């Protein structure tokens, strides 16, 4: 015999799994700590300063 499935419970379980996977994606995308954000910002600033310091001015002609 087959198992009887309550469609309301199955629908809610499916939606719950979808919400959990969306939450996991958001944690991976946006879930950086404050220290990690500051470290990345400092690294970007350091790279920008290095590139600006190495820029060669061709002069205006």
C-alpha atoms as a PDB file:
ATOM      1  CA  UNK A   1       0.000   0.000   0.000  1.00  0.00           C
ATOM      2  CA  UNK A   2       1.018   3.549  -0.577  1.00  0.00           C
ATOM      3  CA  UNK A   3       1.537   6.082   2.130  1.00  0.00           C
ATOM      4  CA  UNK A   4      -1.093   8.779   2.581  1.00  0.00           C
ATOM      5  CA  UNK A   5       0.392  12.271   2.324  1.00  0.00           C
ATOM      6  CA  UNK A   6      -1.173  15.383   3.724  1.00  0.00           C
ATOM      7  CA  UNK A   7      -0.635  17.968   0.961  1.00  0.00           C
ATOM      8  CA  UNK A   8      -0.757  20.925   3.343  1.00  0.00           C
ATOM      9  CA  UNK A   9       2.056  19.490   5.461  1.00  0.00           C
ATOM     10  CA  UNK A  10       4.070  18.565   2.360  1.00  0.00           C
ATOM     11  CA  UNK A  11       3.656  22.093   0.952  1.00  0.00           C
ATOM     12  CA  UNK A  12       4.755  23.686   4.212  1.00  0.00           C
ATOM     13  CA  UNK A  13       7.780  21.377   4.430  1.00  0.00           C
ATOM     14  CA  UNK A  14       8.760  22.252   0.854  1.00  0.00           C
ATOM     15  CA  UNK A  15       8.467  25.987   1.583  1.00  0.00           C
ATOM     16  CA  UNK A  16      10.457  25.571   4.790  1.00  0.00           C
ATOM     17  CA  UNK A  17      13.286  23.824   2.895  1.00  0.00           C
ATOM     18  CA  UNK A  18      13.281  26.591   0.273  1.00  0.00           C
ATOM     19  CA  UNK A  19      13.474  29.267   2.972  1.00  0.00           C
ATOM     20  CA  UNK A  20      16.348  27.468   4.666  1.00  0.00           C
ATOM     21  CA  UNK A  21      18.312  27.224   1.425  1.00  0.00           C
ATOM     22  CA  UNK A  22      17.691  30.914   0.675  1.00  0.00           C
ATOM     23  CA  UNK A  23      18.895  31.787   4.188  1.00  0.00           C
ATOM     24  CA  UNK A  24      22.048  29.730   3.658  1.00  0.00           C
ATOM     25  CA  UNK A  25      22.753  31.560   0.385  1.00  0.00           C
ATOM     26  CA  UNK A  26      22.270  34.931   2.089  1.00  0.00           C
ATOM     27  CA  UNK A  27      24.588  33.928   4.929  1.00  0.00           C
ATOM     28  CA  UNK A  28      27.252  33.030   2.393  1.00  0.00           C
ATOM     29  CA  UNK A  29      26.727  36.219   0.410  1.00  0.00           C
ATOM     30  CA  UNK A  30      26.264  38.798   3.164  1.00  0.00           C
ATOM     31  CA  UNK A  31      27.459  37.029   6.289  1.00  0.00           C
ATOM     32  CA  UNK A  32      30.814  38.660   6.904  1.00  0.00           C
ATOM     33  CA  UNK A  33      31.845  39.855  10.320  1.00  0.00           C
ATOM     34  CA  UNK A  34      32.671  43.474  11.005  1.00  0.00           C
ATOM     35  CA  UNK A  35      36.363  42.625  11.283  1.00  0.00           C
ATOM     36  CA  UNK A  36      36.294  40.888   7.887  1.00  0.00           C
ATOM     37  CA  UNK A  37      34.610  43.905   6.292  1.00  0.00           C
ATOM     38  CA  UNK A  38      37.182  46.294   7.776  1.00  0.00           C
ATOM     39  CA  UNK A  39      40.049  44.058   6.684  1.00  0.00           C
ATOM     40  CA  UNK A  40      38.727  43.913   3.123  1.00  0.00           C
ATOM     41  CA  UNK A  41      38.190  47.683   3.094  1.00  0.00           C
ATOM     42  CA  UNK A  42      41.738  48.311   4.342  1.00  0.00           C
ATOM     43  CA  UNK A  43      43.151  45.940   1.729  1.00  0.00           C
ATOM     44  CA  UNK A  44      41.242  47.731  -1.035  1.00  0.00           C
ATOM     45  CA  UNK A  45      42.473  51.107   0.202  1.00  0.00           C
ATOM     46  CA  UNK A  46      46.062  49.814   0.287  1.00  0.00           C
ATOM     47  CA  UNK A  47      45.810  48.528  -3.274  1.00  0.00           C
ATOM     48  CA  UNK A  48      44.330  51.849  -4.453  1.00  0.00           C
ATOM     49  CA  UNK A  49      47.157  53.800  -2.799  1.00  0.00           C
ATOM     50  CA  UNK A  50      49.752  51.524  -4.394  1.00  0.00           C
ATOM     51  CA  UNK A  51      48.238  51.942  -7.843  1.00  0.00           C
ATOM     52  CA  UNK A  52      47.915  55.720  -7.469  1.00  0.00           C
ATOM     53  CA  UNK A  53      51.539  55.944  -6.311  1.00  0.00           C
ATOM     54  CA  UNK A  54      52.748  53.967  -9.320  1.00  0.00           C
ATOM     55  CA  UNK A  55      50.811  56.075 -11.823  1.00  0.00           C
ATOM     56  CA  UNK A  56      52.984  57.812 -14.400  1.00  0.00           C
ATOM     57  CA  UNK A  57      52.015  61.358 -15.317  1.00  0.00           C
ATOM     58  CA  UNK A  58      52.517  61.922 -19.015  1.00  0.00           C
ATOM     59  CA  UNK A  59      52.199  65.702 -18.697  1.00  0.00           C
ATOM     60  CA  UNK A  60      49.776  67.908 -20.557  1.00  0.00           C
ATOM     61  CA  UNK A  61      50.612  68.744 -24.140  1.00  0.00           C
END
